[in-house]
Amino acid sequence: MHLAGEKVGILAGVPLAVKDLEDAKGLPTSYGAKLFANNIATKDSVQVARLKAHGAIVSMCPSASSLPGLVAVFIPSLS
């Protein structure tokens, strides 16, 4: 996709909510635990970085339940 002659990602402008199990720079990431209630991510996780690289607008979802297993975002077309 191109916009004004510039190439944009396949997710350009698509808002995506990411559970707080993934770090998104500048956004609260509690990992579903009270221990991390005031944690603000200092960098993006690999998954969030990939989404942003393809133009997604990332925001956070409400907290996950207490310390669930790790969840990975996998979108084959972005590989």
PDB file of N, CA and C in Angstrom:
ATOM      1  N   MET A   1       0.839  -1.164   0.000  1.00  0.00           N
ATOM      2  CA  MET A   1       0.000   0.000   0.000  1.00  0.00           C
ATOM      3  C   MET A   1       0.890   1.235   0.000  1.00  0.00           C
ATOM      4  N   HIS A   2       0.481   2.247  -0.749  1.00  0.00           N
ATOM      5  CA  HIS A   2       1.244   3.481  -0.815  1.00  0.00           C
ATOM      6  C   HIS A   2       0.349   4.663  -0.484  1.00  0.00           C
ATOM      7  N   LEU A   3       0.907   5.628   0.195  1.00  0.00           N
ATOM      8  CA  LEU A   3       0.183   6.831   0.559  1.00  0.00           C
ATOM      9  C   LEU A   3       1.067   8.013   0.209  1.00  0.00           C
ATOM     10  N   ALA A   4       0.619   8.857  -0.711  1.00  0.00           N
ATOM     11  CA  ALA A   4       1.392  10.029  -1.141  1.00  0.00           C
ATOM     12  C   ALA A   4       2.807   9.639  -1.549  1.00  0.00           C
ATOM     13  N   GLY A   5       2.927   8.507  -2.230  1.00  0.00           N
ATOM     14  CA  GLY A   5       4.229   8.074  -2.714  1.00  0.00           C
ATOM     15  C   GLY A   5       5.082   7.342  -1.698  1.00  0.00           C
ATOM     16  N   GLU A   6       4.614   7.236  -0.449  1.00  0.00           N
ATOM     17  CA  GLU A   6       5.384   6.543   0.582  1.00  0.00           C
ATOM     18  C   GLU A   6       4.765   5.186   0.867  1.00  0.00           C
ATOM     19  N   LYS A   7       5.601   4.188   1.044  1.00  0.00           N
ATOM     20  CA  LYS A   7       5.115   2.856   1.367  1.00  0.00           C
ATOM     21  C   LYS A   7       4.655   2.818   2.830  1.00  0.00           C
ATOM     22  N   VAL A   8       3.493   2.234   3.059  1.00  0.00           N
ATOM     23  CA  VAL A   8       2.998   2.073   4.431  1.00  0.00           C
ATOM     24  C   VAL A   8       2.756   0.595   4.694  1.00  0.00           C
ATOM     25  N   GLY A   9       2.748   0.205   5.963  1.00  0.00           N
ATOM     26  CA  GLY A   9       2.573  -1.196   6.327  1.00  0.00           C
ATOM     27  C   GLY A   9       1.160  -1.698   6.104  1.00  0.00           C
ATOM     28  N   ILE A  10       1.019  -3.022   6.116  1.00  0.00           N
ATOM     29  CA  ILE A  10      -0.282  -3.625   5.867  1.00  0.00           C
ATOM     30  C   ILE A  10      -1.269  -3.376   7.008  1.00  0.00           C
ATOM     31  N   LEU A  11      -0.776  -2.943   8.157  1.00  0.00           N
ATOM     32  CA  LEU A  11      -1.649  -2.630   9.285  1.00  0.00           C
ATOM     33  C   LEU A  11      -1.754  -1.118   9.515  1.00  0.00           C
ATOM     34  N   ALA A  12      -1.397  -0.328   8.526  1.00  0.00           N
ATOM     35  CA  ALA A  12      -1.350   1.134   8.662  1.00  0.00           C
ATOM     36  C   ALA A  12      -2.679   1.687   9.183  1.00  0.00           C
ATOM     37  N   GLY A  13      -2.607   2.315  10.352  1.00  0.00           N
ATOM     38  CA  GLY A  13      -3.765   2.971  10.937  1.00  0.00           C
ATOM     39  C   GLY A  13      -4.741   2.058  11.644  1.00  0.00           C
ATOM     40  N   VAL A  14      -4.468   0.762  11.685  1.00  0.00           N
ATOM     41  CA  VAL A  14      -5.366  -0.179  12.350  1.00  0.00           C
ATOM     42  C   VAL A  14      -5.111  -0.135  13.857  1.00  0.00           C
ATOM     43  N   PRO A  15      -6.132   0.231  14.649  1.00  0.00           N
ATOM     44  CA  PRO A  15      -5.941   0.242  16.103  1.00  0.00           C
ATOM     45  C   PRO A  15      -6.012  -1.179  16.657  1.00  0.00           C
ATOM     46  N   LEU A  16      -5.036  -1.553  17.447  1.00  0.00           N
ATOM     47  CA  LEU A  16      -5.005  -2.885  18.056  1.00  0.00           C
ATOM     48  C   LEU A  16      -4.822  -2.749  19.557  1.00  0.00           C
ATOM     49  N   ALA A  17      -5.653  -3.446  20.304  1.00  0.00           N
ATOM     50  CA  ALA A  17      -5.507  -3.484  21.754  1.00  0.00           C
ATOM     51  C   ALA A  17      -4.676  -4.713  22.105  1.00  0.00           C
ATOM     52  N   VAL A  18      -3.660  -4.515  22.914  1.00  0.00           N
ATOM     53  CA  VAL A  18      -2.745  -5.592  23.305  1.00  0.00           C
ATOM     54  C   VAL A  18      -2.893  -5.809  24.808  1.00  0.00           C
ATOM     55  N   LYS A  19      -3.035  -7.066  25.210  1.00  0.00           N
ATOM     56  CA  LYS A  19      -3.129  -7.366  26.638  1.00  0.00           C
ATOM     57  C   LYS A  19      -1.863  -6.883  27.348  1.00  0.00           C
ATOM     58  N   ASP A  20      -1.987  -6.581  28.619  1.00  0.00           N
ATOM     59  CA  ASP A  20      -0.835  -6.041  29.348  1.00  0.00           C
ATOM     60  C   ASP A  20       0.181  -7.125  29.729  1.00  0.00           C
ATOM     61  N   LEU A  21       0.187  -8.197  28.964  1.00  0.00           N
ATOM     62  CA  LEU A  21       1.231  -9.223  29.100  1.00  0.00           C
ATOM     63  C   LEU A  21       2.403  -8.899  28.194  1.00  0.00           C
ATOM     64  N   GLU A  22       2.184  -7.975  27.261  1.00  0.00           N
ATOM     65  CA  GLU A  22       3.200  -7.563  26.301  1.00  0.00           C
ATOM     66  C   GLU A  22       3.639  -6.131  26.610  1.00  0.00           C
ATOM     67  N   ASP A  23       4.936  -5.867  26.542  1.00  0.00           N
ATOM     68  CA  ASP A  23       5.437  -4.512  26.751  1.00  0.00           C
ATOM     69  C   ASP A  23       5.176  -3.654  25.520  1.00  0.00           C
ATOM     70  N   ALA A  24       4.632  -2.469  25.754  1.00  0.00           N
ATOM     71  CA  ALA A  24       4.467  -1.460  24.707  1.00  0.00           C
ATOM     72  C   ALA A  24       5.015  -0.162  25.290  1.00  0.00           C
ATOM     73  N   LYS A  25       6.108   0.323  24.732  1.00  0.00           N
ATOM     74  CA  LYS A  25       6.839   1.460  25.285  1.00  0.00           C
ATOM     75  C   LYS A  25       5.912   2.604  25.690  1.00  0.00           C
ATOM     76  N   GLY A  26       6.060   3.041  26.953  1.00  0.00           N
ATOM     77  CA  GLY A  26       5.309   4.170  27.471  1.00  0.00           C
ATOM     78  C   GLY A  26       3.922   3.827  28.004  1.00  0.00           C
ATOM     79  N   LEU A  27       3.514   2.579  27.875  1.00  0.00           N
ATOM     80  CA  LEU A  27       2.182   2.180  28.338  1.00  0.00           C
ATOM     81  C   LEU A  27       2.299   1.285  29.567  1.00  0.00           C
ATOM     82  N   PRO A  28       1.277   1.297  30.428  1.00  0.00           N
ATOM     83  CA  PRO A  28       1.308   0.448  31.626  1.00  0.00           C
ATOM     84  C   PRO A  28       1.277  -1.027  31.254  1.00  0.00           C
ATOM     85  N   THR A  29       2.115  -1.804  31.920  1.00  0.00           N
ATOM     86  CA  THR A  29       2.202  -3.242  31.677  1.00  0.00           C
ATOM     87  C   THR A  29       2.337  -3.931  33.025  1.00  0.00           C
ATOM     88  N   SER A  30       1.222  -4.445  33.545  1.00  0.00           N
ATOM     89  CA  SER A  30       1.258  -5.052  34.874  1.00  0.00           C
ATOM     90  C   SER A  30       1.439  -6.560  34.846  1.00  0.00           C
ATOM     91  N   TYR A  31       1.401  -7.161  33.673  1.00  0.00           N
ATOM     92  CA  TYR A  31       1.522  -8.613  33.533  1.00  0.00           C
ATOM     93  C   TYR A  31       0.458  -9.341  34.355  1.00  0.00           C
ATOM     94  N   GLY A  32      -0.617  -8.661  34.681  1.00  0.00           N
ATOM     95  CA  GLY A  32      -1.706  -9.261  35.444  1.00  0.00           C
ATOM     96  C   GLY A  32      -1.391  -9.463  36.917  1.00  0.00           C
ATOM     97  N   ALA A  33      -0.399  -8.753  37.450  1.00  0.00           N
ATOM     98  CA  ALA A  33      -0.004  -8.936  38.847  1.00  0.00           C
ATOM     99  C   ALA A  33       0.057  -7.593  39.575  1.00  0.00           C
ATOM    100  N   LYS A  34      -0.437  -7.572  40.799  1.00  0.00           N
ATOM    101  CA  LYS A  34      -0.395  -6.344  41.608  1.00  0.00           C
ATOM    102  C   LYS A  34       1.043  -5.879  41.840  1.00  0.00           C
ATOM    103  N   LEU A  35       1.965  -6.822  41.874  1.00  0.00           N
ATOM    104  CA  LEU A  35       3.380  -6.505  42.071  1.00  0.00           C
ATOM    105  C   LEU A  35       3.876  -5.507  41.025  1.00  0.00           C
ATOM    106  N   PHE A  36       3.330  -5.573  39.800  1.00  0.00           N
ATOM    107  CA  PHE A  36       3.759  -4.707  38.708  1.00  0.00           C
ATOM    108  C   PHE A  36       2.724  -3.624  38.379  1.00  0.00           C
ATOM    109  N   ALA A  37       1.845  -3.320  39.316  1.00  0.00           N
ATOM    110  CA  ALA A  37       0.734  -2.393  39.078  1.00  0.00           C
ATOM    111  C   ALA A  37       1.171  -1.030  38.544  1.00  0.00           C
ATOM    112  N   ASN A  38       2.343  -0.542  38.929  1.00  0.00           N
ATOM    113  CA  ASN A  38       2.805   0.780  38.497  1.00  0.00           C
ATOM    114  C   ASN A  38       3.886   0.714  37.423  1.00  0.00           C
ATOM    115  N   ASN A  39       4.050  -0.440  36.807  1.00  0.00           N
ATOM    116  CA  ASN A  39       5.091  -0.631  35.802  1.00  0.00           C
ATOM    117  C   ASN A  39       4.716   0.054  34.485  1.00  0.00           C
ATOM    118  N   ILE A  40       5.636   0.822  33.943  1.00  0.00           N
ATOM    119  CA  ILE A  40       5.485   1.431  32.618  1.00  0.00           C
ATOM    120  C   ILE A  40       6.589   0.840  31.738  1.00  0.00           C
ATOM    121  N   ALA A  41       6.212   0.261  30.613  1.00  0.00           N
ATOM    122  CA  ALA A  41       7.183  -0.382  29.731  1.00  0.00           C
ATOM    123  C   ALA A  41       8.175   0.636  29.174  1.00  0.00           C
ATOM    124  N   THR A  42       9.445   0.277  29.161  1.00  0.00           N
ATOM    125  CA  THR A  42      10.489   1.168  28.640  1.00  0.00           C
ATOM    126  C   THR A  42      10.841   0.850  27.192  1.00  0.00           C
ATOM    127  N   LYS A  43      10.362  -0.299  26.695  1.00  0.00           N
ATOM    128  CA  LYS A  43      10.578  -0.662  25.293  1.00  0.00           C
ATOM    129  C   LYS A  43       9.444  -1.581  24.846  1.00  0.00           C
ATOM    130  N   ASP A  44       9.332  -1.768  23.564  1.00  0.00           N
ATOM    131  CA  ASP A  44       8.315  -2.661  23.007  1.00  0.00           C
ATOM    132  C   ASP A  44       8.800  -4.106  23.040  1.00  0.00           C
ATOM    133  N   SER A  45       7.872  -5.026  23.294  1.00  0.00           N
ATOM    134  CA  SER A  45       8.209  -6.445  23.141  1.00  0.00           C
ATOM    135  C   SER A  45       8.405  -6.709  21.651  1.00  0.00           C
ATOM    136  N   VAL A  46       8.972  -7.830  21.314  1.00  0.00           N
ATOM    137  CA  VAL A  46       9.192  -8.187  19.910  1.00  0.00           C
ATOM    138  C   VAL A  46       7.866  -8.180  19.152  1.00  0.00           C
ATOM    139  N   GLN A  47       6.826  -8.737  19.766  1.00  0.00           N
ATOM    140  CA  GLN A  47       5.526  -8.820  19.104  1.00  0.00           C
ATOM    141  C   GLN A  47       4.946  -7.435  18.831  1.00  0.00           C
ATOM    142  N   VAL A  48       5.008  -6.560  19.823  1.00  0.00           N
ATOM    143  CA  VAL A  48       4.471  -5.204  19.661  1.00  0.00           C
ATOM    144  C   VAL A  48       5.299  -4.428  18.640  1.00  0.00           C
ATOM    145  N   ALA A  49       6.605  -4.592  18.676  1.00  0.00           N
ATOM    146  CA  ALA A  49       7.468  -3.906  17.703  1.00  0.00           C
ATOM    147  C   ALA A  49       7.110  -4.322  16.277  1.00  0.00           C
ATOM    148  N   ARG A  50       6.835  -5.606  16.069  1.00  0.00           N
ATOM    149  CA  ARG A  50       6.461  -6.088  14.737  1.00  0.00           C
ATOM    150  C   ARG A  50       5.138  -5.472  14.293  1.00  0.00           C
ATOM    151  N   LEU A  51       4.169  -5.400  15.194  1.00  0.00           N
ATOM    152  CA  LEU A  51       2.884  -4.795  14.843  1.00  0.00           C
ATOM    153  C   LEU A  51       3.054  -3.331  14.469  1.00  0.00           C
ATOM    154  N   LYS A  52       3.822  -2.602  15.280  1.00  0.00           N
ATOM    155  CA  LYS A  52       4.054  -1.177  15.001  1.00  0.00           C
ATOM    156  C   LYS A  52       4.822  -0.981  13.696  1.00  0.00           C
ATOM    157  N   ALA A  53       5.777  -1.867  13.413  1.00  0.00           N
ATOM    158  CA  ALA A  53       6.562  -1.753  12.186  1.00  0.00           C
ATOM    159  C   ALA A  53       5.683  -1.861  10.942  1.00  0.00           C
ATOM    160  N   HIS A  54       4.561  -2.514  11.083  1.00  0.00           N
ATOM    161  CA  HIS A  54       3.633  -2.669   9.961  1.00  0.00           C
ATOM    162  C   HIS A  54       2.497  -1.650  10.025  1.00  0.00           C
ATOM    163  N   GLY A  55       2.646  -0.639  10.898  1.00  0.00           N
ATOM    164  CA  GLY A  55       1.723   0.482  10.913  1.00  0.00           C
ATOM    165  C   GLY A  55       0.596   0.439  11.918  1.00  0.00           C
ATOM    166  N   ALA A  56       0.519  -0.595  12.737  1.00  0.00           N
ATOM    167  CA  ALA A  56      -0.559  -0.695  13.725  1.00  0.00           C
ATOM    168  C   ALA A  56      -0.445   0.405  14.777  1.00  0.00           C
ATOM    169  N   ILE A  57      -1.586   0.836  15.263  1.00  0.00           N
ATOM    170  CA  ILE A  57      -1.653   1.789  16.370  1.00  0.00           C
ATOM    171  C   ILE A  57      -1.967   0.953  17.606  1.00  0.00           C
ATOM    172  N   VAL A  58      -1.008   0.833  18.520  1.00  0.00           N
ATOM    173  CA  VAL A  58      -1.137  -0.064  19.665  1.00  0.00           C
ATOM    174  C   VAL A  58      -1.622   0.678  20.903  1.00  0.00           C
ATOM    175  N   SER A  59      -2.649   0.101  21.551  1.00  0.00           N
ATOM    176  CA  SER A  59      -3.117   0.579  22.850  1.00  0.00           C
ATOM    177  C   SER A  59      -3.207  -0.647  23.756  1.00  0.00           C
ATOM    178  N   MET A  60      -3.476  -0.435  25.015  1.00  0.00           N
ATOM    179  CA  MET A  60      -3.505  -1.556  25.951  1.00  0.00           C
ATOM    180  C   MET A  60      -4.930  -1.936  26.320  1.00  0.00           C
ATOM    181  N   CYS A  61      -5.111  -3.224  26.591  1.00  0.00           N
ATOM    182  CA  CYS A  61      -6.373  -3.759  27.106  1.00  0.00           C
ATOM    183  C   CYS A  61      -6.322  -3.707  28.627  1.00  0.00           C
ATOM    184  N   PRO A  62      -7.459  -3.903  29.267  1.00  0.00           N
ATOM    185  CA  PRO A  62      -7.443  -4.003  30.737  1.00  0.00           C
ATOM    186  C   PRO A  62      -6.532  -5.134  31.187  1.00  0.00           C
ATOM    187  N   SER A  63      -6.190  -5.116  32.438  1.00  0.00           N
ATOM    188  CA  SER A  63      -5.270  -6.111  33.004  1.00  0.00           C
ATOM    189  C   SER A  63      -5.721  -7.532  32.764  1.00  0.00           C
ATOM    190  N   ALA A  64      -4.729  -8.381  32.594  1.00  0.00           N
ATOM    191  CA  ALA A  64      -4.975  -9.818  32.478  1.00  0.00           C
ATOM    192  C   ALA A  64      -5.174 -10.375  33.878  1.00  0.00           C
ATOM    193  N   SER A  65      -5.605 -11.614  33.965  1.00  0.00           N
ATOM    194  CA  SER A  65      -5.738 -12.239  35.274  1.00  0.00           C
ATOM    195  C   SER A  65      -4.351 -12.469  35.865  1.00  0.00           C
ATOM    196  N   SER A  66      -4.296 -12.774  37.127  1.00  0.00           N
ATOM    197  CA  SER A  66      -3.041 -12.840  37.848  1.00  0.00           C
ATOM    198  C   SER A  66      -2.013 -13.796  37.253  1.00  0.00           C
ATOM    199  N   LEU A  67      -0.906 -13.229  36.774  1.00  0.00           N
ATOM    200  CA  LEU A  67       0.249 -13.939  36.236  1.00  0.00           C
ATOM    201  C   LEU A  67      -0.087 -15.154  35.367  1.00  0.00           C
ATOM    202  N   PRO A  68      -0.802 -14.943  34.267  1.00  0.00           N
ATOM    203  CA  PRO A  68      -1.086 -16.049  33.359  1.00  0.00           C
ATOM    204  C   PRO A  68       0.174 -16.466  32.622  1.00  0.00           C
ATOM    205  N   GLY A  69       0.108 -17.550  31.880  1.00  0.00           N
ATOM    206  CA  GLY A  69       1.247 -17.993  31.079  1.00  0.00           C
ATOM    207  C   GLY A  69       1.572 -16.967  30.014  1.00  0.00           C
ATOM    208  N   LEU A  70       2.753 -17.036  29.465  1.00  0.00           N
ATOM    209  CA  LEU A  70       3.160 -16.076  28.447  1.00  0.00           C
ATOM    210  C   LEU A  70       2.368 -16.291  27.173  1.00  0.00           C
ATOM    211  N   VAL A  71       1.987 -15.200  26.541  1.00  0.00           N
ATOM    212  CA  VAL A  71       1.205 -15.256  25.307  1.00  0.00           C
ATOM    213  C   VAL A  71       1.993 -14.545  24.228  1.00  0.00           C
ATOM    214  N   ALA A  72       2.090 -15.141  23.052  1.00  0.00           N
ATOM    215  CA  ALA A  72       2.799 -14.525  21.933  1.00  0.00           C
ATOM    216  C   ALA A  72       1.816 -14.194  20.827  1.00  0.00           C
ATOM    217  N   VAL A  73       2.021 -13.055  20.212  1.00  0.00           N
ATOM    218  CA  VAL A  73       1.214 -12.661  19.065  1.00  0.00           C
ATOM    219  C   VAL A  73       1.924 -13.204  17.830  1.00  0.00           C
ATOM    220  N   PHE A  74       1.204 -13.956  17.020  1.00  0.00           N
ATOM    221  CA  PHE A  74       1.816 -14.518  15.822  1.00  0.00           C
ATOM    222  C   PHE A  74       0.909 -14.242  14.628  1.00  0.00           C
ATOM    223  N   ILE A  75       1.394 -13.487  13.693  1.00  0.00           N
ATOM    224  CA  ILE A  75       0.661 -13.206  12.476  1.00  0.00           C
ATOM    225  C   ILE A  75       1.561 -13.632  11.323  1.00  0.00           C
ATOM    226  N   PRO A  76       1.279 -14.812  10.734  1.00  0.00           N
ATOM    227  CA  PRO A  76       2.175 -15.359   9.706  1.00  0.00           C
ATOM    228  C   PRO A  76       2.482 -14.393   8.562  1.00  0.00           C
ATOM    229  N   SER A  77       1.516 -13.592   8.139  1.00  0.00           N
ATOM    230  CA  SER A  77       1.741 -12.714   6.998  1.00  0.00           C
ATOM    231  C   SER A  77       2.737 -11.605   7.300  1.00  0.00           C
ATOM    232  N   LEU A  78       3.084 -11.392   8.559  1.00  0.00           N
ATOM    233  CA  LEU A  78       4.037 -10.343   8.914  1.00  0.00           C
ATOM    234  C   LEU A  78       5.462 -10.874   9.018  1.00  0.00           C
ATOM    235  N   SER A  79       5.646 -12.154   8.805  1.00  0.00           N
ATOM    236  CA  SER A  79       6.974 -12.758   8.939  1.00  0.00           C
ATOM    237  C   SER A  79       7.925 -12.277   7.878  1.00  0.00           C
TER     238      SER A  79
END
